[in-house]
PDB file of N, CA and C in Angstrom:
ATOM      1  N   GLN A   1      -0.335  16.539  13.875  1.00  0.00           N
ATOM      2  CA  GLN A   1      -0.913  16.148  12.251  1.00  0.00           C
ATOM      3  C   GLN A   1       0.576  16.161  11.641  1.00  0.00           C
ATOM      4  N   VAL A   2       1.217  14.753  11.178  1.00  0.00           N
ATOM      5  CA  VAL A   2       2.126  14.887  10.559  1.00  0.00           C
ATOM      6  C   VAL A   2       1.750  14.690   8.894  1.00  0.00           C
ATOM      7  N   HIS A   3       3.004  15.312   8.087  1.00  0.00           N
ATOM      8  CA  HIS A   3       2.730  15.708   6.896  1.00  0.00           C
ATOM      9  C   HIS A   3       3.619  14.343   5.995  1.00  0.00           C
ATOM     10  N   VAL A   4       3.121  13.644   5.137  1.00  0.00           N
ATOM     11  CA  VAL A   4       4.041  12.739   4.509  1.00  0.00           C
ATOM     12  C   VAL A   4       4.205  13.198   2.848  1.00  0.00           C
ATOM     13  N   VAL A   5       5.179  13.150   2.578  1.00  0.00           N
ATOM     14  CA  VAL A   5       5.382  13.588   1.092  1.00  0.00           C
ATOM     15  C   VAL A   5       6.527  12.397   0.289  1.00  0.00           C
ATOM     16  N   GLU A   6       5.668  11.605  -0.585  1.00  0.00           N
ATOM     17  CA  GLU A   6       6.762  10.880  -1.484  1.00  0.00           C
ATOM     18  C   GLU A   6       7.309  11.558  -2.846  1.00  0.00           C
ATOM     19  N   SER A   7       8.729  10.652  -3.069  1.00  0.00           N
ATOM     20  CA  SER A   7       9.070  11.456  -4.168  1.00  0.00           C
ATOM     21  C   SER A   7      10.092  10.361  -4.913  1.00  0.00           C
ATOM     22  N   GLY A   8      10.650  10.157  -5.916  1.00  0.00           N
ATOM     23  CA  GLY A   8      11.301   9.277  -6.400  1.00  0.00           C
ATOM     24  C   GLY A   8      10.729   8.328  -7.658  1.00  0.00           C
ATOM     25  N   GLY A   9       9.475   8.443  -7.846  1.00  0.00           N
ATOM     26  CA  GLY A   9       8.813   7.806  -8.772  1.00  0.00           C
ATOM     27  C   GLY A   9       9.367   8.062 -10.310  1.00  0.00           C
ATOM     28  N   GLY A  10       9.100   7.498 -11.029  1.00  0.00           N
ATOM     29  CA  GLY A  10       9.256   7.566 -12.467  1.00  0.00           C
ATOM     30  C   GLY A  10       8.983   6.437 -13.473  1.00  0.00           C
ATOM     31  N   LEU A  11       9.844   6.487 -14.752  1.00  0.00           N
ATOM     32  CA  LEU A  11       9.735   5.269 -15.404  1.00  0.00           C
ATOM     33  C   LEU A  11      11.114   4.634 -15.606  1.00  0.00           C
ATOM     34  N   VAL A  12      10.965   3.053 -15.390  1.00  0.00           N
ATOM     35  CA  VAL A  12      11.852   2.733 -15.417  1.00  0.00           C
ATOM     36  C   VAL A  12      11.791   1.218 -16.556  1.00  0.00           C
ATOM     37  N   GLN A  13      12.840   0.711 -16.906  1.00  0.00           N
ATOM     38  CA  GLN A  13      12.773  -0.727 -17.791  1.00  0.00           C
ATOM     39  C   GLN A  13      12.805  -1.775 -16.800  1.00  0.00           C
ATOM     40  N   THR A  14      12.228  -2.951 -17.368  1.00  0.00           N
ATOM     41  CA  THR A  14      12.284  -4.155 -16.613  1.00  0.00           C
ATOM     42  C   THR A  14      13.350  -4.468 -16.321  1.00  0.00           C
ATOM     43  N   GLY A  15      13.676  -4.726 -15.210  1.00  0.00           N
ATOM     44  CA  GLY A  15      14.936  -5.329 -14.690  1.00  0.00           C
ATOM     45  C   GLY A  15      16.035  -4.129 -13.980  1.00  0.00           C
ATOM     46  N   GLY A  16      15.266  -2.882 -13.882  1.00  0.00           N
ATOM     47  CA  GLY A  16      15.998  -1.981 -13.395  1.00  0.00           C
ATOM     48  C   GLY A  16      15.820  -1.584 -12.020  1.00  0.00           C
ATOM     49  N   SER A  17      16.401  -0.367 -11.602  1.00  0.00           N
ATOM     50  CA  SER A  17      16.294  -0.048 -10.183  1.00  0.00           C
ATOM     51  C   SER A  17      15.635   1.205  -9.921  1.00  0.00           C
ATOM     52  N   LEU A  18      15.137   1.590  -8.851  1.00  0.00           N
ATOM     53  CA  LEU A  18      14.407   2.811  -8.489  1.00  0.00           C
ATOM     54  C   LEU A  18      14.027   2.969  -7.080  1.00  0.00           C
ATOM     55  N   ARG A  19      14.323   4.307  -6.541  1.00  0.00           N
ATOM     56  CA  ARG A  19      14.413   4.377  -5.019  1.00  0.00           C
ATOM     57  C   ARG A  19      13.339   5.307  -4.584  1.00  0.00           C
ATOM     58  N   LEU A  20      12.323   5.059  -3.912  1.00  0.00           N
ATOM     59  CA  LEU A  20      11.215   5.781  -3.738  1.00  0.00           C
ATOM     60  C   LEU A  20      11.960   6.495  -2.207  1.00  0.00           C
ATOM     61  N   LEU A  21      11.548   7.657  -2.107  1.00  0.00           N
ATOM     62  CA  LEU A  21      11.730   8.204  -0.505  1.00  0.00           C
ATOM     63  C   LEU A  21      10.346   8.870   0.115  1.00  0.00           C
ATOM     64  N   CYS A  22      10.468   9.106   1.110  1.00  0.00           N
ATOM     65  CA  CYS A  22       9.155   9.299   1.664  1.00  0.00           C
ATOM     66  C   CYS A  22       9.705  10.201   2.978  1.00  0.00           C
ATOM     67  N   ALA A  23       9.062  11.435   3.072  1.00  0.00           N
ATOM     68  CA  ALA A  23       9.437  12.607   4.002  1.00  0.00           C
ATOM     69  C   ALA A  23       8.398  12.761   4.765  1.00  0.00           C
ATOM     70  N   ALA A  24       8.925  12.803   6.268  1.00  0.00           N
ATOM     71  CA  ALA A  24       7.501  13.094   7.029  1.00  0.00           C
ATOM     72  C   ALA A  24       8.077  14.020   8.201  1.00  0.00           C
ATOM     73  N   SER A  25       6.731  14.998   8.341  1.00  0.00           N
ATOM     74  CA  SER A  25       7.339  16.338   9.247  1.00  0.00           C
ATOM     75  C   SER A  25       7.051  15.438  10.597  1.00  0.00           C
ATOM     76  N   GLY A  26       7.158  16.436  11.582  1.00  0.00           N
ATOM     77  CA  GLY A  26       7.135  16.212  13.112  1.00  0.00           C
ATOM     78  C   GLY A  26       8.347  15.411  13.886  1.00  0.00           C
ATOM     79  N   ARG A  27       8.760  16.015  14.837  1.00  0.00           N
ATOM     80  CA  ARG A  27       9.146  15.682  16.115  1.00  0.00           C
ATOM     81  C   ARG A  27       9.453  14.411  16.283  1.00  0.00           C
ATOM     82  N   THR A  28       8.010  14.019  16.408  1.00  0.00           N
ATOM     83  CA  THR A  28       8.315  12.324  16.775  1.00  0.00           C
ATOM     84  C   THR A  28       8.153  11.208  15.622  1.00  0.00           C
ATOM     85  N   PHE A  29       8.608  11.667  14.393  1.00  0.00           N
ATOM     86  CA  PHE A  29       8.877  10.755  13.535  1.00  0.00           C
ATOM     87  C   PHE A  29       9.670   9.259  13.581  1.00  0.00           C
ATOM     88  N   SER A  30      10.727   9.551  14.782  1.00  0.00           N
ATOM     89  CA  SER A  30      11.421   8.467  15.117  1.00  0.00           C
ATOM     90  C   SER A  30      10.714   7.369  15.856  1.00  0.00           C
ATOM     91  N   THR A  31       9.357   7.446  16.412  1.00  0.00           N
ATOM     92  CA  THR A  31       8.713   6.556  16.867  1.00  0.00           C
ATOM     93  C   THR A  31       7.543   6.589  15.991  1.00  0.00           C
ATOM     94  N   TYR A  32       7.487   6.693  14.789  1.00  0.00           N
ATOM     95  CA  TYR A  32       6.275   6.483  14.017  1.00  0.00           C
ATOM     96  C   TYR A  32       6.834   5.306  13.212  1.00  0.00           C
ATOM     97  N   ALA A  33       5.744   4.278  13.125  1.00  0.00           N
ATOM     98  CA  ALA A  33       6.032   2.817  12.185  1.00  0.00           C
ATOM     99  C   ALA A  33       5.817   3.501  11.092  1.00  0.00           C
ATOM    100  N   ALA A  34       6.627   3.023   9.524  1.00  0.00           N
ATOM    101  CA  ALA A  34       6.089   3.228   8.199  1.00  0.00           C
ATOM    102  C   ALA A  34       5.528   2.029   7.496  1.00  0.00           C
ATOM    103  N   GLY A  35       5.007   2.204   6.081  1.00  0.00           N
ATOM    104  CA  GLY A  35       4.809   1.384   5.502  1.00  0.00           C
ATOM    105  C   GLY A  35       4.553   1.965   4.182  1.00  0.00           C
ATOM    106  N   TRP A  36       4.882   1.103   2.897  1.00  0.00           N
ATOM    107  CA  TRP A  36       4.574   1.591   1.538  1.00  0.00           C
ATOM    108  C   TRP A  36       3.554   0.277   0.768  1.00  0.00           C
ATOM    109  N   PHE A  37       2.660   1.184   0.593  1.00  0.00           N
ATOM    110  CA  PHE A  37       1.668   0.437  -0.354  1.00  0.00           C
ATOM    111  C   PHE A  37       1.454   0.738  -2.064  1.00  0.00           C
ATOM    112  N   ARG A  38       0.862   0.270  -2.815  1.00  0.00           N
ATOM    113  CA  ARG A  38       0.489   0.244  -4.021  1.00  0.00           C
ATOM    114  C   ARG A  38      -0.714   0.324  -4.947  1.00  0.00           C
ATOM    115  N   GLN A  39      -1.126   0.910  -5.496  1.00  0.00           N
ATOM    116  CA  GLN A  39      -2.388   0.828  -6.265  1.00  0.00           C
ATOM    117  C   GLN A  39      -2.604   1.058  -7.661  1.00  0.00           C
ATOM    118  N   ASN A  40      -3.073   0.252  -8.299  1.00  0.00           N
ATOM    119  CA  ASN A  40      -3.660   0.721  -9.744  1.00  0.00           C
ATOM    120  C   ASN A  40      -5.220   0.789  -9.791  1.00  0.00           C
ATOM    121  N   PRO A  41      -5.468   1.605 -10.656  1.00  0.00           N
ATOM    122  CA  PRO A  41      -6.849   2.137 -11.115  1.00  0.00           C
ATOM    123  C   PRO A  41      -8.075   1.022 -10.667  1.00  0.00           C
ATOM    124  N   GLY A  42      -8.810   1.129 -10.275  1.00  0.00           N
ATOM    125  CA  GLY A  42     -10.003  -0.206 -10.013  1.00  0.00           C
ATOM    126  C   GLY A  42      -9.424  -1.010  -8.890  1.00  0.00           C
ATOM    127  N   LYS A  43      -8.435  -1.149  -8.325  1.00  0.00           N
ATOM    128  CA  LYS A  43      -7.724  -2.280  -7.739  1.00  0.00           C
ATOM    129  C   LYS A  43      -7.720  -1.968  -6.171  1.00  0.00           C
ATOM    130  N   GLU A  44      -7.468  -2.881  -5.195  1.00  0.00           N
ATOM    131  CA  GLU A  44      -7.445  -2.196  -3.960  1.00  0.00           C
ATOM    132  C   GLU A  44      -6.266  -1.863  -3.455  1.00  0.00           C
ATOM    133  N   ARG A  45      -5.773  -1.071  -2.933  1.00  0.00           N
ATOM    134  CA  ARG A  45      -4.417  -0.866  -2.164  1.00  0.00           C
ATOM    135  C   ARG A  45      -3.768  -2.012  -1.856  1.00  0.00           C
ATOM    136  N   GLU A  46      -2.640  -2.298  -1.991  1.00  0.00           N
ATOM    137  CA  GLU A  46      -1.892  -3.363  -2.052  1.00  0.00           C
ATOM    138  C   GLU A  46      -0.462  -2.851  -0.791  1.00  0.00           C
ATOM    139  N   PHE A  47      -0.294  -3.965   0.154  1.00  0.00           N
ATOM    140  CA  PHE A  47       0.871  -3.595   0.761  1.00  0.00           C
ATOM    141  C   PHE A  47       1.969  -4.234   0.078  1.00  0.00           C
ATOM    142  N   VAL A  48       3.342  -3.444   0.482  1.00  0.00           N
ATOM    143  CA  VAL A  48       4.382  -3.644  -0.304  1.00  0.00           C
ATOM    144  C   VAL A  48       5.595  -3.899   0.833  1.00  0.00           C
ATOM    145  N   ALA A  49       5.373  -3.198   1.525  1.00  0.00           N
ATOM    146  CA  ALA A  49       6.598  -3.248   2.873  1.00  0.00           C
ATOM    147  C   ALA A  49       6.254  -2.453   4.247  1.00  0.00           C
ATOM    148  N   ALA A  50       6.957  -2.621   4.951  1.00  0.00           N
ATOM    149  CA  ALA A  50       6.538  -2.195   6.394  1.00  0.00           C
ATOM    150  C   ALA A  50       7.930  -2.110   6.991  1.00  0.00           C
ATOM    151  N   ILE A  51       8.037  -1.305   7.878  1.00  0.00           N
ATOM    152  CA  ILE A  51       9.513  -1.016   8.703  1.00  0.00           C
ATOM    153  C   ILE A  51       8.901  -0.411  10.107  1.00  0.00           C
ATOM    154  N   SER A  52       9.447  -0.961  11.540  1.00  0.00           N
ATOM    155  CA  SER A  52       9.311  -0.354  12.744  1.00  0.00           C
ATOM    156  C   SER A  52       9.512   0.765  12.826  1.00  0.00           C
ATOM    157  N   TRP A  53       9.657   1.393  13.920  1.00  0.00           N
ATOM    158  CA  TRP A  53      10.171   2.770  14.545  1.00  0.00           C
ATOM    159  C   TRP A  53      11.584   2.654  14.530  1.00  0.00           C
ATOM    160  N   THR A  54      12.354   1.631  14.809  1.00  0.00           N
ATOM    161  CA  THR A  54      13.989   1.623  15.153  1.00  0.00           C
ATOM    162  C   THR A  54      14.818   1.113  13.935  1.00  0.00           C
ATOM    163  N   GLY A  55      13.354   0.684  12.497  1.00  0.00           N
ATOM    164  CA  GLY A  55      14.398  -0.288  11.985  1.00  0.00           C
ATOM    165  C   GLY A  55      14.505  -1.740  12.071  1.00  0.00           C
ATOM    166  N   GLY A  56      14.320  -2.338  13.392  1.00  0.00           N
ATOM    167  CA  GLY A  56      14.637  -3.369  13.532  1.00  0.00           C
ATOM    168  C   GLY A  56      13.453  -4.307  13.169  1.00  0.00           C
ATOM    169  N   ARG A  57      12.607  -3.936  12.646  1.00  0.00           N
ATOM    170  CA  ARG A  57      11.628  -5.482  12.084  1.00  0.00           C
ATOM    171  C   ARG A  57      11.161  -4.851  10.626  1.00  0.00           C
ATOM    172  N   THR A  58      11.425  -5.615   9.680  1.00  0.00           N
ATOM    173  CA  THR A  58      10.924  -4.842   8.269  1.00  0.00           C
ATOM    174  C   THR A  58       9.690  -6.375   8.063  1.00  0.00           C
ATOM    175  N   TYR A  59       8.950  -5.940   7.257  1.00  0.00           N
ATOM    176  CA  TYR A  59       7.961  -6.596   6.682  1.00  0.00           C
ATOM    177  C   TYR A  59       7.681  -6.830   5.359  1.00  0.00           C
ATOM    178  N   TYR A  60       7.450  -7.763   4.304  1.00  0.00           N
ATOM    179  CA  TYR A  60       7.275  -7.492   2.835  1.00  0.00           C
ATOM    180  C   TYR A  60       6.394  -8.562   2.296  1.00  0.00           C
ATOM    181  N   ALA A  61       5.775  -7.925   1.267  1.00  0.00           N
ATOM    182  CA  ALA A  61       4.934  -8.761   0.498  1.00  0.00           C
ATOM    183  C   ALA A  61       5.738  -9.611  -0.070  1.00  0.00           C
ATOM    184  N   ASP A  62       5.259 -10.871  -0.488  1.00  0.00           N
ATOM    185  CA  ASP A  62       5.580 -12.124  -1.122  1.00  0.00           C
ATOM    186  C   ASP A  62       6.259 -11.723  -2.240  1.00  0.00           C
ATOM    187  N   SER A  63       5.102 -10.688  -3.006  1.00  0.00           N
ATOM    188  CA  SER A  63       5.301 -10.074  -4.624  1.00  0.00           C
ATOM    189  C   SER A  63       6.553  -9.795  -4.545  1.00  0.00           C
ATOM    190  N   VAL A  64       7.375  -8.967  -3.768  1.00  0.00           N
ATOM    191  CA  VAL A  64       8.456  -7.985  -3.596  1.00  0.00           C
ATOM    192  C   VAL A  64       9.704  -8.709  -3.183  1.00  0.00           C
ATOM    193  N   LYS A  65       9.251  -9.555  -2.078  1.00  0.00           N
ATOM    194  CA  LYS A  65      10.401  -9.933  -1.022  1.00  0.00           C
ATOM    195  C   LYS A  65      11.906 -10.603  -2.220  1.00  0.00           C
ATOM    196  N   GLY A  66      12.942 -10.036  -1.706  1.00  0.00           N
ATOM    197  CA  GLY A  66      13.980 -10.422  -2.324  1.00  0.00           C
ATOM    198  C   GLY A  66      14.510  -9.294  -3.288  1.00  0.00           C
ATOM    199  N   ARG A  67      13.737  -8.167  -3.825  1.00  0.00           N
ATOM    200  CA  ARG A  67      13.835  -7.205  -5.000  1.00  0.00           C
ATOM    201  C   ARG A  67      13.694  -6.016  -4.151  1.00  0.00           C
ATOM    202  N   PHE A  68      13.219  -5.612  -3.205  1.00  0.00           N
ATOM    203  CA  PHE A  68      12.817  -4.252  -2.615  1.00  0.00           C
ATOM    204  C   PHE A  68      13.289  -4.710  -1.256  1.00  0.00           C
ATOM    205  N   THR A  69      13.670  -3.345  -0.831  1.00  0.00           N
ATOM    206  CA  THR A  69      14.298  -3.024   0.616  1.00  0.00           C
ATOM    207  C   THR A  69      13.677  -1.961   1.260  1.00  0.00           C
ATOM    208  N   ILE A  70      13.146  -1.805   2.322  1.00  0.00           N
ATOM    209  CA  ILE A  70      12.814  -0.692   3.001  1.00  0.00           C
ATOM    210  C   ILE A  70      13.572  -0.641   4.015  1.00  0.00           C
ATOM    211  N   SER A  71      13.708   0.829   4.322  1.00  0.00           N
ATOM    212  CA  SER A  71      14.711   1.193   5.143  1.00  0.00           C
ATOM    213  C   SER A  71      14.718   2.700   5.765  1.00  0.00           C
ATOM    214  N   ARG A  72      15.095   3.048   6.825  1.00  0.00           N
ATOM    215  CA  ARG A  72      14.629   4.476   7.333  1.00  0.00           C
ATOM    216  C   ARG A  72      16.149   5.504   7.891  1.00  0.00           C
ATOM    217  N   ASP A  73      15.678   6.482   7.724  1.00  0.00           N
ATOM    218  CA  ASP A  73      17.064   7.306   8.583  1.00  0.00           C
ATOM    219  C   ASP A  73      16.055   8.410   9.405  1.00  0.00           C
ATOM    220  N   ASN A  74      15.999   7.944  10.822  1.00  0.00           N
ATOM    221  CA  ASN A  74      15.229   8.789  11.573  1.00  0.00           C
ATOM    222  C   ASN A  74      15.987  10.413  11.701  1.00  0.00           C
ATOM    223  N   ALA A  75      17.137  10.412  11.544  1.00  0.00           N
ATOM    224  CA  ALA A  75      17.509  12.014  11.859  1.00  0.00           C
ATOM    225  C   ALA A  75      17.272  12.762  10.400  1.00  0.00           C
ATOM    226  N   LYS A  76      16.895  12.165   9.519  1.00  0.00           N
ATOM    227  CA  LYS A  76      16.336  12.711   8.275  1.00  0.00           C
ATOM    228  C   LYS A  76      14.707  12.399   8.035  1.00  0.00           C
ATOM    229  N   ASN A  77      14.256  12.159   9.102  1.00  0.00           N
ATOM    230  CA  ASN A  77      12.557  11.480   9.056  1.00  0.00           C
ATOM    231  C   ASN A  77      12.378  11.397   7.472  1.00  0.00           C
ATOM    232  N   THR A  78      12.849  10.432   6.916  1.00  0.00           N
ATOM    233  CA  THR A  78      12.925   9.433   5.592  1.00  0.00           C
ATOM    234  C   THR A  78      12.861   8.000   5.488  1.00  0.00           C
ATOM    235  N   VAL A  79      11.634   7.736   5.067  1.00  0.00           N
ATOM    236  CA  VAL A  79      12.219   6.267   4.721  1.00  0.00           C
ATOM    237  C   VAL A  79      12.163   6.035   3.277  1.00  0.00           C
ATOM    238  N   TYR A  80      12.721   4.684   2.933  1.00  0.00           N
ATOM    239  CA  TYR A  80      13.226   4.609   1.682  1.00  0.00           C
ATOM    240  C   TYR A  80      12.789   3.052   1.377  1.00  0.00           C
ATOM    241  N   LEU A  81      12.452   2.765   0.036  1.00  0.00           N
ATOM    242  CA  LEU A  81      12.331   1.780  -0.528  1.00  0.00           C
ATOM    243  C   LEU A  81      12.586   1.732  -1.945  1.00  0.00           C
ATOM    244  N   GLN A  82      14.043   0.945  -1.617  1.00  0.00           N
ATOM    245  CA  GLN A  82      14.885   0.126  -2.925  1.00  0.00           C
ATOM    246  C   GLN A  82      14.156  -0.568  -3.797  1.00  0.00           C
ATOM    247  N   MET A  83      14.165  -0.445  -5.061  1.00  0.00           N
ATOM    248  CA  MET A  83      13.329  -1.281  -5.771  1.00  0.00           C
ATOM    249  C   MET A  83      14.327  -1.805  -6.854  1.00  0.00           C
ATOM    250  N   ASN A  84      14.557  -3.318  -6.981  1.00  0.00           N
ATOM    251  CA  ASN A  84      15.536  -3.651  -7.775  1.00  0.00           C
ATOM    252  C   ASN A  84      14.944  -4.395  -8.599  1.00  0.00           C
ATOM    253  N   SER A  85      15.189  -4.949  -9.665  1.00  0.00           N
ATOM    254  CA  SER A  85      14.834  -6.040 -10.604  1.00  0.00           C
ATOM    255  C   SER A  85      13.306  -5.821 -10.858  1.00  0.00           C
ATOM    256  N   VAL A  86      13.043  -4.742 -11.307  1.00  0.00           N
ATOM    257  CA  VAL A  86      11.590  -4.407 -11.197  1.00  0.00           C
ATOM    258  C   VAL A  86      10.697  -5.192 -12.358  1.00  0.00           C
ATOM    259  N   LYS A  87       9.845  -5.176 -12.105  1.00  0.00           N
ATOM    260  CA  LYS A  87       8.756  -5.726 -13.140  1.00  0.00           C
ATOM    261  C   LYS A  87       7.740  -5.265 -13.637  1.00  0.00           C
ATOM    262  N   PRO A  88       6.789  -5.276 -15.189  1.00  0.00           N
ATOM    263  CA  PRO A  88       5.895  -4.427 -15.071  1.00  0.00           C
ATOM    264  C   PRO A  88       4.868  -4.388 -14.397  1.00  0.00           C
ATOM    265  N   GLU A  89       4.489  -5.671 -13.595  1.00  0.00           N
ATOM    266  CA  GLU A  89       3.656  -5.807 -12.575  1.00  0.00           C
ATOM    267  C   GLU A  89       3.797  -4.970 -11.221  1.00  0.00           C
ATOM    268  N   ASP A  90       5.120  -4.281 -11.368  1.00  0.00           N
ATOM    269  CA  ASP A  90       5.259  -3.562  -9.940  1.00  0.00           C
ATOM    270  C   ASP A  90       4.775  -1.820 -10.515  1.00  0.00           C
ATOM    271  N   THR A  91       4.394  -1.845 -11.534  1.00  0.00           N
ATOM    272  CA  THR A  91       3.691  -0.476 -12.022  1.00  0.00           C
ATOM    273  C   THR A  91       2.558  -0.276 -11.101  1.00  0.00           C
ATOM    274  N   ALA A  92       2.510   1.090 -10.629  1.00  0.00           N
ATOM    275  CA  ALA A  92       1.300   1.368  -9.631  1.00  0.00           C
ATOM    276  C   ALA A  92       1.630   2.745  -9.136  1.00  0.00           C
ATOM    277  N   VAL A  93       0.944   3.227  -8.520  1.00  0.00           N
ATOM    278  CA  VAL A  93       0.938   4.728  -7.658  1.00  0.00           C
ATOM    279  C   VAL A  93       1.626   3.831  -6.339  1.00  0.00           C
ATOM    280  N   TYR A  94       2.597   4.667  -5.607  1.00  0.00           N
ATOM    281  CA  TYR A  94       3.016   4.260  -4.322  1.00  0.00           C
ATOM    282  C   TYR A  94       3.093   4.962  -3.813  1.00  0.00           C
ATOM    283  N   TYR A  95       2.410   4.603  -2.236  1.00  0.00           N
ATOM    284  CA  TYR A  95       2.268   5.597  -1.228  1.00  0.00           C
ATOM    285  C   TYR A  95       2.664   5.326  -0.139  1.00  0.00           C
ATOM    286  N   CYS A  96       3.095   6.311   0.961  1.00  0.00           N
ATOM    287  CA  CYS A  96       3.828   5.991   1.934  1.00  0.00           C
ATOM    288  C   CYS A  96       2.742   6.189   3.030  1.00  0.00           C
ATOM    289  N   ALA A  97       2.869   5.664   4.344  1.00  0.00           N
ATOM    290  CA  ALA A  97       1.936   5.511   5.270  1.00  0.00           C
ATOM    291  C   ALA A  97       2.864   5.840   6.574  1.00  0.00           C
ATOM    292  N   VAL A  98       2.566   6.541   7.401  1.00  0.00           N
ATOM    293  CA  VAL A  98       3.202   6.224   8.920  1.00  0.00           C
ATOM    294  C   VAL A  98       2.058   6.513   9.990  1.00  0.00           C
ATOM    295  N   THR A  99       2.259   5.636  11.276  1.00  0.00           N
ATOM    296  CA  THR A  99       1.692   6.011  12.186  1.00  0.00           C
ATOM    297  C   THR A  99       2.373   5.755  13.525  1.00  0.00           C
ATOM    298  N   PRO A 100       1.773   6.001  14.738  1.00  0.00           N
ATOM    299  CA  PRO A 100       2.395   5.673  16.007  1.00  0.00           C
ATOM    300  C   PRO A 100       2.829   4.215  16.180  1.00  0.00           C
ATOM    301  N   GLU A 101       3.834   3.860  16.175  1.00  0.00           N
ATOM    302  CA  GLU A 101       4.418   2.646  16.635  1.00  0.00           C
ATOM    303  C   GLU A 101       3.805   1.968  17.892  1.00  0.00           C
ATOM    304  N   SER A 102       3.147   2.761  18.912  1.00  0.00           N
ATOM    305  CA  SER A 102       2.733   2.296  20.127  1.00  0.00           C
ATOM    306  C   SER A 102       1.250   1.726  19.656  1.00  0.00           C
ATOM    307  N   ASP A 103       0.452   1.933  18.695  1.00  0.00           N
ATOM    308  CA  ASP A 103      -0.897   2.023  18.456  1.00  0.00           C
ATOM    309  C   ASP A 103      -0.876   0.211  18.104  1.00  0.00           C
ATOM    310  N   HIS A 104      -0.201  -0.527  18.045  1.00  0.00           N
ATOM    311  CA  HIS A 104       0.164  -1.868  17.525  1.00  0.00           C
ATOM    312  C   HIS A 104      -0.738  -2.127  16.543  1.00  0.00           C
ATOM    313  N   ARG A 105      -1.346  -1.414  15.517  1.00  0.00           N
ATOM    314  CA  ARG A 105      -2.431  -2.136  14.507  1.00  0.00           C
ATOM    315  C   ARG A 105      -1.740  -2.910  13.629  1.00  0.00           C
ATOM    316  N   SER A 106      -2.139  -3.701  12.685  1.00  0.00           N
ATOM    317  CA  SER A 106      -1.278  -4.679  11.909  1.00  0.00           C
ATOM    318  C   SER A 106      -0.793  -3.672  10.685  1.00  0.00           C
ATOM    319  N   ARG A 107       0.456  -3.892  10.335  1.00  0.00           N
ATOM    320  CA  ARG A 107       0.878  -2.949   9.568  1.00  0.00           C
ATOM    321  C   ARG A 107       0.900  -3.472   7.870  1.00  0.00           C
ATOM    322  N   VAL A 108       0.511  -4.457   8.203  1.00  0.00           N
ATOM    323  CA  VAL A 108       0.099  -5.215   6.446  1.00  0.00           C
ATOM    324  C   VAL A 108      -1.029  -4.416   6.057  1.00  0.00           C
ATOM    325  N   LEU A 109      -1.932  -3.747   6.645  1.00  0.00           N
ATOM    326  CA  LEU A 109      -3.237  -3.379   6.347  1.00  0.00           C
ATOM    327  C   LEU A 109      -3.242  -2.021   6.185  1.00  0.00           C
ATOM    328  N   SER A 110      -3.993  -1.328   5.273  1.00  0.00           N
ATOM    329  CA  SER A 110      -3.852   0.302   5.146  1.00  0.00           C
ATOM    330  C   SER A 110      -4.622   0.399   6.376  1.00  0.00           C
ATOM    331  N   ALA A 111      -5.444  -0.286   7.110  1.00  0.00           N
ATOM    332  CA  ALA A 111      -6.221   0.429   8.396  1.00  0.00           C
ATOM    333  C   ALA A 111      -5.229   0.511   9.400  1.00  0.00           C
ATOM    334  N   GLY A 112      -4.186   0.273   9.319  1.00  0.00           N
ATOM    335  CA  GLY A 112      -3.320   0.194  10.295  1.00  0.00           C
ATOM    336  C   GLY A 112      -2.258   1.431  10.233  1.00  0.00           C
ATOM    337  N   TYR A 113      -2.719   2.673   9.411  1.00  0.00           N
ATOM    338  CA  TYR A 113      -1.996   3.492   9.459  1.00  0.00           C
ATOM    339  C   TYR A 113      -2.671   4.676   9.631  1.00  0.00           C
ATOM    340  N   ASP A 114      -2.436   6.156  10.187  1.00  0.00           N
ATOM    341  CA  ASP A 114      -2.898   7.339  10.552  1.00  0.00           C
ATOM    342  C   ASP A 114      -2.608   8.257   9.305  1.00  0.00           C
ATOM    343  N   TYR A 115      -1.455   8.459   8.792  1.00  0.00           N
ATOM    344  CA  TYR A 115      -1.349   9.403   7.753  1.00  0.00           C
ATOM    345  C   TYR A 115      -0.670   8.870   6.435  1.00  0.00           C
ATOM    346  N   TRP A 116      -1.242   9.565   5.488  1.00  0.00           N
ATOM    347  CA  TRP A 116      -0.666   8.923   3.867  1.00  0.00           C
ATOM    348  C   TRP A 116      -0.111  10.280   3.314  1.00  0.00           C
ATOM    349  N   GLY A 117       0.646  10.003   2.456  1.00  0.00           N
ATOM    350  CA  GLY A 117       1.133  10.810   1.499  1.00  0.00           C
ATOM    351  C   GLY A 117      -0.092  10.736   0.195  1.00  0.00           C
ATOM    352  N   GLN A 118       0.300  11.540  -0.888  1.00  0.00           N
ATOM    353  CA  GLN A 118      -0.039  11.849  -2.144  1.00  0.00           C
ATOM    354  C   GLN A 118      -0.099  10.776  -3.268  1.00  0.00           C
ATOM    355  N   GLY A 119       1.081   9.886  -2.888  1.00  0.00           N
ATOM    356  CA  GLY A 119       1.489   8.803  -4.017  1.00  0.00           C
ATOM    357  C   GLY A 119       2.671   9.472  -5.085  1.00  0.00           C
ATOM    358  N   THR A 120       3.189   8.397  -5.480  1.00  0.00           N
ATOM    359  CA  THR A 120       4.089   8.588  -6.724  1.00  0.00           C
ATOM    360  C   THR A 120       3.991   7.340  -7.450  1.00  0.00           C
ATOM    361  N   GLN A 121       3.921   7.995  -8.901  1.00  0.00           N
ATOM    362  CA  GLN A 121       3.880   6.861  -9.704  1.00  0.00           C
ATOM    363  C   GLN A 121       5.203   6.423 -10.155  1.00  0.00           C
ATOM    364  N   VAL A 122       5.217   5.026 -10.351  1.00  0.00           N
ATOM    365  CA  VAL A 122       6.324   4.057 -10.828  1.00  0.00           C
ATOM    366  C   VAL A 122       5.266   3.353 -11.770  1.00  0.00           C
ATOM    367  N   THR A 123       5.994   3.581 -13.051  1.00  0.00           N
ATOM    368  CA  THR A 123       6.088   2.742 -14.403  1.00  0.00           C
ATOM    369  C   THR A 123       6.899   2.184 -14.796  1.00  0.00           C
ATOM    370  N   VAL A 124       6.593   0.644 -14.811  1.00  0.00           N
ATOM    371  CA  VAL A 124       8.022  -0.087 -15.124  1.00  0.00           C
ATOM    372  C   VAL A 124       7.535  -0.684 -16.953  1.00  0.00           C
ATOM    373  N   SER A 125       8.432  -0.355 -17.886  1.00  0.00           N
ATOM    374  CA  SER A 125       8.125  -0.493 -19.009  1.00  0.00           C
ATOM    375  C   SER A 125       8.725  -1.878 -19.444  1.00  0.00           C
ATOM    376  N   SER A 126       8.365  -2.649 -20.383  1.00  0.00           N
ATOM    377  CA  SER A 126       8.293  -4.053 -20.589  1.00  0.00           C
ATOM    378  C   SER A 126       9.521  -4.004 -22.054  1.00  0.00           C
TER     379      SER A 126
END
């Protein structure tokens, strides 16, 4: 079992920056792929970014490409989402998810992950 906890959310002005953190338990974290998703009430969970277990491959939704950066520090069992030039439409609850790299499921779908955190709220004021 892997326990996932997000942090770093909050209120930020349009054009500002925020860094989200995802801390995961487990000795095998370094072999897990990770992803960030976001969701607003009444809407489906939306893919934001994903990263391979080595950090060598990253994927981004078109809506955040060039503004957000996903990275990881396996020594700290932590994945980061650096959010720059944020917009009001980035407002959502952001969720971190991890899964064994070996299962080869799609990393842009929420069904591709086994373990999820409880989410952290990000609110961008206009």
